[in-house]
Amino acid sequence: MKYIIGFLIFCSYSFGWTYEDYIAQQKKNESVYKNQVERNYQTYIKQVNANIEKYSKIVGDLWGENEVKFSSKHEAIHYDEDFKLRDRIDFEKDILIIESVDAVDINKFNEKLKELRENKLSKIIKKDPIKSDINQPIQMNANANEMYEKILPKKYISKSDVTKRVDNGKVIYFVKIPFVKNSIKIRANIFMNDIDRYSKKYSIDKEYVLGVMHTESSFNPEAESKAYALGLMQIVPSTGGLDAYIELKGIRKIPTRAYLLNPTKNIELGCIYIHKIQNKYLKGIKDKKSLYYCTSTSYNAGIGTLKKSFLPKKYINKINLMSSDEVYKHLQKSFFTKEARNYVVKVAKYTSFWQKELKSNKTNF
């Protein structure tokens, strides 16, 4: 502190600065930096949108407009270099679909299955022409790198396994391969060390973190949404990601795509964001169930949405006057929480599921 005061005295003698001038300059610098951070993010969004437009044209020309598909929250999709073969790993339906347009080659189908089972996830992502076109190399942690090896069965695809569909004159051959039994538990267990570590560090119920991840991505480490949310806990870089990063690093920085698609970092930021929601915006809610119901709405639709649903003034007091069941029903009926209704139900359902699983398994699954 004495150095700052000394610096201000020096500036006041040398340049005619006052303390007010110093504060004004600090605010100006902060504003410039804030704008630069936002511009960098908008540049990234423009690049993402340009890629979507570019590859929609390529895929649409080959597969047909109705068959333009890219990775989403619950589905990871990888194309080969010529775009004529792709795999779709559906984490919500627990199934792998390998597809080829205009030709069926059993050897290529089996090569694709083998490649998914035996290669590291980072390598699979890097090989995909769409995912590798954004200049942010993604590094999966060790457990996530071996995910497909653990959830895909060891089998050989024969011609009898392949069926076809026709869409706007395009013939598409495909095979569906179910994941191994208990795949959802296997996937959750892959990330259990990080879930356990950060749920404890940020004082969040472990089953709730699992419930959020199950709802958001079905434990798909490649999850990407149309709203630019990324990773296992579907963090939007410019909102939840920014808030959590500031809490973690003390720096105003929007985390990169590569950062958020790293499972360990994604789980940490997700837990920090939940912690902030509960301990800043929802601080004072007495009933634990009510707290978690409100956390779900805030995580999905924003704290502003939650406040509006209870009317902004003294919303904590209003929540405390209600039972947890009344809070839950309110969030199902409020006009303001319309988009978050199903989300609250799903998180509650999956949280209950994982609570039972954790109780019945004293160690990992």
Protein backbone atom coordinates (compact mmCIF):
# COMPACT_ATOMS: atom_id res chain seq x y z
CA MET A 1 0.00 0.00 0.00
CA LYS A 2 2.83 2.43 0.90
CA TYR A 3 4.29 1.92 -2.59
CA ILE A 4 1.00 2.88 -4.23
CA ILE A 5 0.76 6.00 -2.07
CA GLY A 6 4.37 6.85 -2.91
CA PHE A 7 3.63 6.35 -6.60
CA LEU A 8 0.61 8.67 -6.39
CA ILE A 9 2.64 11.35 -4.61
CA PHE A 10 5.32 11.07 -7.31
CA CYS A 11 2.69 11.36 -10.07
CA SER A 12 1.03 14.35 -8.39
CA TYR A 13 4.34 16.24 -8.28
CA SER A 14 5.55 15.11 -11.70
CA PHE A 15 2.39 15.16 -13.77
CA GLY A 16 -0.14 17.06 -11.73
CA TRP A 17 -2.21 13.89 -11.08
CA THR A 18 -4.67 13.58 -8.23
CA TYR A 19 -6.04 10.42 -6.62
CA GLU A 20 -9.25 10.94 -8.58
CA ASP A 21 -7.20 11.02 -11.79
CA TYR A 22 -5.59 7.72 -10.83
CA ILE A 23 -8.96 6.05 -10.16
CA ALA A 24 -10.36 7.40 -13.44
CA GLN A 25 -7.38 5.99 -15.35
CA GLN A 26 -7.84 2.60 -13.66
CA LYS A 27 -11.50 2.53 -14.68
CA LYS A 28 -10.56 3.52 -18.23
CA ASN A 29 -7.95 0.74 -18.43
CA GLU A 30 -10.46 -1.75 -17.07
CA SER A 31 -13.04 -0.67 -19.64
CA VAL A 32 -10.53 -0.98 -22.50
CA TYR A 33 -9.51 -4.46 -21.32
CA LYS A 34 -13.15 -5.52 -20.91
CA ASN A 35 -13.94 -4.40 -24.45
CA GLN A 36 -10.88 -6.22 -25.82
CA VAL A 37 -11.93 -9.44 -24.08
CA GLU A 38 -15.40 -9.12 -25.57
CA ARG A 39 -14.00 -8.39 -29.06
CA ASN A 40 -11.79 -11.48 -28.88
CA TYR A 41 -14.80 -13.61 -28.00
CA GLN A 42 -16.92 -12.14 -30.78
CA THR A 43 -14.09 -12.93 -33.23
CA TYR A 44 -14.23 -16.55 -32.06
CA ILE A 45 -18.03 -16.66 -32.48
CA LYS A 46 -17.71 -15.31 -36.02
CA GLN A 47 -15.17 -18.03 -36.79
CA VAL A 48 -17.50 -20.72 -35.42
CA ASN A 49 -20.43 -19.41 -37.46
CA ALA A 50 -18.28 -19.17 -40.59
CA ASN A 51 -17.23 -22.80 -40.11
CA ILE A 52 -20.85 -23.91 -39.68
CA GLU A 53 -21.80 -22.15 -42.90
CA LYS A 54 -18.77 -23.54 -44.75
CA TYR A 55 -19.25 -27.16 -43.68
CA SER A 56 -23.04 -27.08 -43.96
CA LYS A 57 -22.50 -26.45 -47.68
CA ILE A 58 -19.95 -29.28 -48.02
CA VAL A 59 -22.01 -31.81 -46.07
CA GLY A 60 -25.29 -30.69 -47.65
CA ASP A 61 -23.94 -31.16 -51.18
CA LEU A 62 -22.82 -34.72 -50.40
CA TRP A 63 -25.49 -35.96 -47.98
CA GLY A 64 -28.47 -33.72 -48.73
CA GLU A 65 -29.76 -30.71 -46.81
CA ASN A 66 -31.72 -32.84 -44.32
CA GLU A 67 -28.58 -34.76 -43.41
CA VAL A 68 -26.42 -31.83 -42.32
CA LYS A 69 -25.39 -32.90 -38.82
CA PHE A 70 -22.75 -31.60 -36.42
CA SER A 71 -21.85 -32.35 -32.83
CA SER A 72 -24.41 -31.26 -30.22
CA LYS A 73 -24.98 -31.47 -26.46
CA HIS A 74 -25.63 -35.21 -26.44
CA GLU A 75 -24.06 -36.34 -29.70
CA ALA A 76 -20.44 -36.35 -30.88
CA ILE A 77 -20.03 -36.50 -34.67
CA HIS A 78 -16.81 -37.07 -36.61
CA TYR A 79 -16.34 -36.92 -40.39
CA ASP A 80 -13.63 -38.52 -42.49
CA GLU A 81 -11.50 -36.24 -44.64
CA ASP A 82 -13.63 -36.75 -47.78
CA PHE A 83 -16.86 -36.26 -45.76
CA LYS A 84 -18.37 -39.46 -47.17
CA LEU A 85 -18.14 -41.43 -43.93
CA ARG A 86 -19.08 -40.28 -40.45
CA ASP A 87 -19.73 -41.64 -36.98
CA ARG A 88 -22.44 -40.35 -34.65
CA ILE A 89 -21.95 -41.20 -30.98
CA ASP A 90 -25.31 -40.62 -29.29
CA PHE A 91 -24.75 -40.36 -25.53
CA GLU A 92 -28.44 -39.86 -24.78
CA LYS A 93 -29.56 -43.03 -26.59
CA ASP A 94 -26.39 -45.02 -25.81
CA ILE A 95 -25.71 -45.92 -29.42
CA LEU A 96 -23.06 -45.49 -32.12
CA ILE A 97 -24.19 -44.94 -35.71
CA ILE A 98 -21.66 -45.29 -38.53
CA GLU A 99 -22.91 -43.88 -41.85
CA SER A 100 -21.74 -43.72 -45.44
CA VAL A 101 -23.26 -41.80 -48.31
CA ASP A 102 -23.81 -43.37 -51.76
CA ALA A 103 -21.58 -46.41 -51.09
CA VAL A 104 -21.24 -49.21 -48.59
CA ASP A 105 -17.80 -50.53 -47.76
CA ILE A 106 -17.79 -53.02 -44.86
CA ASN A 107 -14.04 -52.71 -44.48
CA LYS A 108 -14.33 -48.94 -43.95
CA PHE A 109 -17.15 -49.46 -41.45
CA ASN A 110 -14.98 -51.85 -39.45
CA GLU A 111 -11.96 -49.57 -39.74
CA LYS A 112 -14.03 -46.73 -38.33
CA LEU A 113 -15.23 -48.84 -35.40
CA LYS A 114 -11.69 -50.02 -34.69
CA GLU A 115 -10.38 -46.45 -34.92
CA LEU A 116 -12.91 -45.24 -32.35
CA ARG A 117 -12.15 -48.11 -29.98
CA GLU A 118 -8.37 -47.99 -30.20
CA ASN A 119 -7.42 -44.35 -30.77
CA LYS A 120 -7.20 -41.65 -28.14
CA LEU A 121 -10.12 -39.23 -28.20
CA SER A 122 -7.74 -36.29 -28.74
CA LYS A 123 -6.49 -37.97 -31.93
CA ILE A 124 -10.03 -38.67 -33.15
CA ILE A 125 -10.97 -35.01 -32.65
CA LYS A 126 -7.80 -33.80 -34.36
CA LYS A 127 -8.46 -36.00 -37.41
CA ASP A 128 -11.96 -34.64 -37.93
CA PRO A 129 -11.72 -31.82 -40.54
CA ILE A 130 -14.46 -29.71 -38.95
CA LYS A 131 -13.28 -29.84 -35.34
CA SER A 132 -9.64 -29.29 -36.29
CA ASP A 133 -10.48 -26.20 -38.37
CA ILE A 134 -10.83 -24.04 -35.25
CA ASN A 135 -7.26 -23.30 -34.21
CA GLN A 136 -7.58 -24.41 -30.60
CA PRO A 137 -6.19 -27.94 -30.15
CA ILE A 138 -8.20 -29.88 -27.58
CA GLN A 139 -6.44 -31.95 -24.95
CA MET A 140 -8.58 -34.55 -23.20
CA ASN A 141 -7.42 -35.87 -19.86
CA ALA A 142 -6.20 -39.48 -19.64
CA ASN A 143 -9.50 -41.09 -18.61
CA ALA A 144 -11.59 -39.22 -21.20
CA ASN A 145 -9.10 -40.16 -23.91
CA GLU A 146 -10.03 -43.82 -23.36
CA MET A 147 -13.79 -43.32 -23.23
CA TYR A 148 -14.74 -44.90 -26.56
CA GLU A 149 -12.60 -47.92 -25.83
CA LYS A 150 -14.63 -48.46 -22.66
CA ILE A 151 -18.16 -47.91 -23.99
CA LEU A 152 -18.01 -49.46 -27.48
CA PRO A 153 -18.35 -53.23 -27.84
CA LYS A 154 -15.71 -55.39 -29.49
CA LYS A 155 -17.52 -56.70 -32.51
CA TYR A 156 -17.21 -57.10 -36.26
CA ILE A 157 -19.68 -55.43 -38.64
CA SER A 158 -21.06 -57.66 -41.38
CA LYS A 159 -23.21 -56.78 -44.41
CA SER A 160 -26.31 -58.05 -42.64
CA ASP A 161 -25.83 -55.36 -39.98
CA VAL A 162 -26.07 -52.55 -42.54
CA THR A 163 -29.36 -50.94 -43.55
CA LYS A 164 -30.10 -47.95 -45.76
CA ARG A 165 -32.35 -44.95 -46.07
CA VAL A 166 -33.05 -42.64 -49.03
CA ASP A 167 -33.39 -38.89 -48.59
CA ASN A 168 -33.86 -36.58 -51.58
CA GLY A 169 -32.24 -39.12 -53.87
CA LYS A 170 -29.24 -39.67 -51.59
CA VAL A 171 -28.71 -43.27 -50.47
CA ILE A 172 -27.24 -43.49 -46.98
CA TYR A 173 -25.99 -46.79 -45.57
CA PHE A 174 -25.71 -47.10 -41.81
CA VAL A 175 -25.20 -49.48 -38.94
CA LYS A 176 -26.31 -49.02 -35.33
CA ILE A 177 -24.13 -50.38 -32.54
CA PRO A 178 -25.42 -50.17 -28.93
CA PHE A 179 -22.97 -49.19 -26.21
CA VAL A 180 -21.90 -51.81 -23.67
CA LYS A 181 -24.14 -52.50 -20.66
CA ASN A 182 -24.17 -49.85 -17.90
CA SER A 183 -22.52 -47.34 -20.21
CA ILE A 184 -23.90 -44.34 -18.31
CA LYS A 185 -22.18 -45.52 -15.12
CA ILE A 186 -18.94 -46.21 -16.97
CA ARG A 187 -18.98 -42.70 -18.44
CA ALA A 188 -19.72 -41.09 -15.10
CA ASN A 189 -16.97 -43.06 -13.44
CA ILE A 190 -14.44 -41.79 -15.99
CA PHE A 191 -14.89 -38.31 -14.51
CA MET A 192 -15.53 -39.35 -10.91
CA ASN A 193 -12.16 -38.23 -9.52
CA ASP A 194 -12.70 -34.69 -10.79
CA ILE A 195 -16.34 -34.66 -9.71
CA ASP A 196 -15.38 -35.84 -6.24
CA ARG A 197 -12.50 -33.36 -5.96
CA TYR A 198 -14.34 -30.23 -7.06
CA SER A 199 -17.71 -30.99 -5.46
CA LYS A 200 -15.88 -31.24 -2.12
CA LYS A 201 -13.71 -28.19 -2.76
CA TYR A 202 -16.70 -25.99 -3.58
CA SER A 203 -19.14 -27.56 -1.09
CA ILE A 204 -21.65 -28.95 -3.60
CA ASP A 205 -23.47 -32.26 -3.26
CA LYS A 206 -21.71 -34.76 -5.48
CA GLU A 207 -24.97 -36.23 -6.75
CA TYR A 208 -26.09 -32.78 -7.85
CA VAL A 209 -22.96 -32.27 -9.97
CA LEU A 210 -23.63 -35.68 -11.54
CA GLY A 211 -27.27 -34.71 -12.11
CA VAL A 212 -26.26 -31.50 -13.90
CA MET A 213 -23.72 -33.30 -16.09
CA HIS A 214 -26.22 -36.06 -16.92
CA THR A 215 -28.82 -33.45 -17.91
CA GLU A 216 -26.46 -31.16 -19.79
CA SER A 217 -24.42 -33.62 -21.85
CA SER A 218 -25.10 -37.25 -20.83
CA PHE A 219 -21.34 -37.24 -20.03
CA ASN A 220 -20.34 -36.35 -23.59
CA PRO A 221 -16.89 -34.70 -23.32
CA GLU A 222 -17.26 -33.25 -26.84
CA ALA A 223 -20.59 -31.56 -26.12
CA GLU A 224 -21.28 -28.34 -28.04
CA SER A 225 -24.63 -26.55 -28.25
CA LYS A 226 -26.12 -24.02 -30.66
CA ALA A 227 -25.88 -21.49 -27.82
CA TYR A 228 -22.07 -22.00 -27.87
CA ALA A 229 -22.15 -23.87 -24.54
CA LEU A 230 -19.24 -26.27 -24.24
CA GLY A 231 -18.20 -29.45 -22.49
CA LEU A 232 -19.60 -31.81 -19.90
CA MET A 233 -21.36 -29.10 -17.89
CA GLN A 234 -22.30 -27.01 -20.96
CA ILE A 235 -20.68 -23.77 -19.91
CA VAL A 236 -21.33 -20.68 -22.02
CA PRO A 237 -17.90 -18.98 -22.25
CA SER A 238 -19.11 -15.36 -22.08
CA THR A 239 -21.48 -15.81 -19.10
CA GLY A 240 -20.98 -18.71 -16.68
CA GLY A 241 -17.49 -19.33 -18.02
CA LEU A 242 -16.45 -15.72 -17.50
CA ASP A 243 -17.95 -15.57 -13.99
CA ALA A 244 -16.27 -18.79 -12.94
CA TYR A 245 -12.90 -17.86 -14.47
CA ILE A 246 -12.87 -14.55 -12.60
CA GLU A 247 -13.56 -16.43 -9.36
CA LEU A 248 -10.82 -18.96 -10.12
CA LYS A 249 -8.04 -16.73 -11.47
CA GLY A 250 -9.00 -13.23 -10.42
CA ILE A 251 -8.66 -12.19 -14.07
CA ARG A 252 -11.39 -11.01 -16.40
CA LYS A 253 -10.98 -13.53 -19.20
CA ILE A 254 -13.42 -15.55 -21.27
CA PRO A 255 -12.17 -19.16 -21.24
CA THR A 256 -11.33 -20.58 -24.65
CA ARG A 257 -13.06 -23.44 -26.43
CA ALA A 258 -10.03 -25.64 -25.80
CA TYR A 259 -10.09 -24.77 -22.09
CA LEU A 260 -13.78 -25.61 -21.69
CA LEU A 261 -13.53 -28.86 -23.65
CA ASN A 262 -10.89 -30.10 -21.24
CA PRO A 263 -13.02 -32.27 -18.88
CA THR A 264 -11.10 -31.45 -15.70
CA LYS A 265 -11.23 -27.70 -16.29
CA ASN A 266 -14.86 -27.86 -17.39
CA ILE A 267 -15.91 -29.65 -14.20
CA GLU A 268 -13.93 -27.21 -12.07
CA LEU A 269 -15.48 -24.13 -13.68
CA GLY A 270 -18.95 -25.71 -13.55
CA CYS A 271 -18.58 -26.35 -9.82
CA ILE A 272 -17.25 -22.82 -9.23
CA TYR A 273 -20.25 -21.37 -11.07
CA ILE A 274 -22.71 -23.46 -9.04
CA HIS A 275 -20.90 -22.40 -5.86
CA LYS A 276 -21.18 -18.74 -6.86
CA ILE A 277 -24.87 -19.07 -7.66
CA GLN A 278 -25.57 -20.65 -4.28
CA ASN A 279 -23.30 -18.49 -2.13
CA LYS A 280 -23.81 -15.10 -3.77
CA TYR A 281 -27.13 -14.94 -5.60
CA LEU A 282 -29.06 -17.51 -3.55
CA LYS A 283 -27.37 -16.94 -0.20
CA GLY A 284 -29.92 -17.07 2.60
CA ILE A 285 -32.20 -19.79 1.21
CA LYS A 286 -32.74 -22.04 4.21
CA ASP A 287 -34.22 -25.21 2.73
CA LYS A 288 -31.61 -27.32 0.94
CA LYS A 289 -34.01 -28.76 -1.66
CA SER A 290 -35.33 -25.28 -2.45
CA LEU A 291 -31.74 -24.08 -2.83
CA TYR A 292 -30.94 -26.77 -5.38
CA TYR A 293 -34.18 -26.27 -7.34
CA CYS A 294 -33.39 -22.56 -7.60
CA THR A 295 -29.77 -23.34 -8.48
CA SER A 296 -30.95 -25.45 -11.43
CA THR A 297 -33.12 -22.65 -12.80
CA SER A 298 -30.31 -20.11 -12.34
CA TYR A 299 -27.70 -22.39 -13.93
CA ASN A 300 -29.90 -23.01 -16.95
CA ALA A 301 -31.70 -19.71 -17.49
CA GLY A 302 -29.78 -17.19 -15.40
CA ILE A 303 -30.29 -15.68 -11.96
CA GLY A 304 -32.33 -12.84 -13.49
CA THR A 305 -34.93 -15.34 -14.67
CA LEU A 306 -35.22 -16.81 -11.20
CA LYS A 307 -35.60 -13.38 -9.59
CA LYS A 308 -38.33 -12.35 -12.03
CA SER A 309 -40.32 -15.49 -11.31
CA PHE A 310 -40.51 -14.60 -7.61
CA LEU A 311 -40.58 -10.84 -8.32
CA PRO A 312 -37.11 -9.31 -7.88
CA LYS A 313 -37.51 -7.57 -4.52
CA LYS A 314 -36.84 -9.78 -1.50
CA TYR A 315 -36.97 -12.96 -3.59
CA ILE A 316 -34.95 -14.87 -0.98
CA ASN A 317 -37.56 -14.06 1.67
CA LYS A 318 -40.35 -15.21 -0.63
CA ILE A 319 -38.56 -18.50 -1.30
CA ASN A 320 -38.04 -19.06 2.43
CA LEU A 321 -41.77 -18.63 3.07
CA MET A 322 -42.46 -21.58 0.74
CA SER A 323 -41.88 -25.31 1.22
CA SER A 324 -39.48 -27.04 -1.18
CA ASP A 325 -42.46 -28.67 -2.92
CA GLU A 326 -44.07 -25.26 -3.36
CA VAL A 327 -40.82 -23.86 -4.80
CA TYR A 328 -40.58 -26.82 -7.20
CA LYS A 329 -44.22 -26.36 -8.36
CA HIS A 330 -43.71 -22.62 -8.72
CA LEU A 331 -40.73 -23.17 -11.02
CA GLN A 332 -42.91 -25.51 -13.11
CA LYS A 333 -45.67 -22.94 -13.54
CA SER A 334 -43.97 -19.55 -13.68
CA PHE A 335 -44.11 -17.85 -17.07
CA PHE A 336 -40.57 -16.56 -16.55
CA THR A 337 -39.08 -20.03 -16.00
CA LYS A 338 -40.84 -21.64 -18.97
CA GLU A 339 -37.62 -22.61 -20.75
CA ALA A 340 -36.09 -24.01 -17.55
CA ARG A 341 -39.09 -26.14 -16.51
CA ASN A 342 -37.96 -29.40 -18.04
CA TYR A 343 -34.42 -28.69 -16.94
CA VAL A 344 -35.38 -28.48 -13.27
CA VAL A 345 -37.33 -31.74 -13.56
CA LYS A 346 -34.47 -33.55 -15.29
CA VAL A 347 -31.79 -32.39 -12.87
CA ALA A 348 -33.97 -33.39 -9.91
CA LYS A 349 -34.61 -36.80 -11.46
CA TYR A 350 -30.98 -37.50 -12.30
CA THR A 351 -29.77 -36.14 -8.95
CA SER A 352 -32.05 -38.64 -7.22
CA PHE A 353 -30.76 -41.41 -9.51
CA TRP A 354 -27.12 -40.66 -8.70
CA GLN A 355 -27.85 -40.28 -5.00
CA LYS A 356 -29.16 -43.87 -4.98
CA GLU A 357 -26.20 -45.09 -7.05
CA LEU A 358 -23.69 -43.46 -4.73
CA LYS A 359 -25.38 -44.98 -1.67
CA SER A 360 -25.43 -48.45 -3.20
CA ASN A 361 -21.79 -48.18 -4.26
CA LYS A 362 -19.57 -47.17 -1.37
CA THR A 363 -16.65 -46.71 -3.77
CA ASN A 364 -16.65 -45.94 -7.49
CA PHE A 365 -19.02 -47.81 -9.78
